[in-house]
Amino acid sequence: MKINVLVLRAAGTNCDAETVYAWQQVGAEAEALHVSRLLECPSRLDDVDILTLAGGFSYGDDIAAGKILANQLVHHLGDVLRRFVERGRLVLGICNGFQVLAKTGLLDDEGVDKPSATVTFNGSARYEDRWVHLRVETDHCAFLSAGQILYLPVAHAEGKVVTRDRVALAQLDQRDRIALRYVDADGNPGDYPVNPNGSEDNIAGLTDATGRVLGLMPHPERNIHLTHHPLWTRLAKDREPDGVKVFRSAMRYLM
């Protein structure tokens, strides 16, 4: 079965080529497309199984990270994207893509008008570029398997997940929307640098009610070959890189 993936990019996006390559490594037919082309022809999504919002700095992170691209999607493709998910298709937002998703309402029950959470400047007040451990917290996300501990790199200045209030944070947990948490190598939550950005409740990724939309700050496309791992010479040669697991899980879900 052929799975078609569209990797959306805009001015400033810089991870689209790597993300296309990552999807291709698990057998998907993937291509990058500028958002302007999608705005001109929204029907391009009719033949797409997975929409991916790649990492980078869309529109230079002007106003706020991901805000301009999010506004384009909300005002011109809002209904199209909602129908896309309702038809059983998948949406993945990586780093800047997560920032975009958090501002479009696709991760929220109440949509863009009353978001439960957003992504803002790191608690360290500096750009964080490091490898982190992540614990999968949900069993209903198409991209993840509950109980996994993943090791992926982060690279962002605005990766701190903050919620509207304590009620919103509790609801995210109760409704099984917290997809990933930052943990140490033993799977336990911790302060900086285990949590590289100060995210509330160590949140590293969120999913929607369907489990078909995932936003995460770490970069799975940067750990798809054994040699990407900083300690690769000490690993078994047949070990599947943790980034591959994210992409392959989505493929299995659709097949």
Foldseek 3Di string as FASTA:
>chain_A
DEAEEEEEDAVFFDCRVLVQVLLVVLPYHYDYDYVVVCLVPVCVLVRHQEYEYGDGQHVNQPPHQQQVVLVCCQVRPLVVVVVSVVVVGFYEYEASGLQSCQQQQQQDPVGNVFGFKHWAFFPVQDWDWAKFWKAFQACQALQDHHGDIAIFIFTGGTQAMDGPDPVSVVVQVVLRFQGIFQAHPVRHDDDPPSLPGNHVVRGFKTHHNNNRYIYGRTDLSQFQALVSDPPSVPDDRPDGHRSSSRSNSNVVVVD
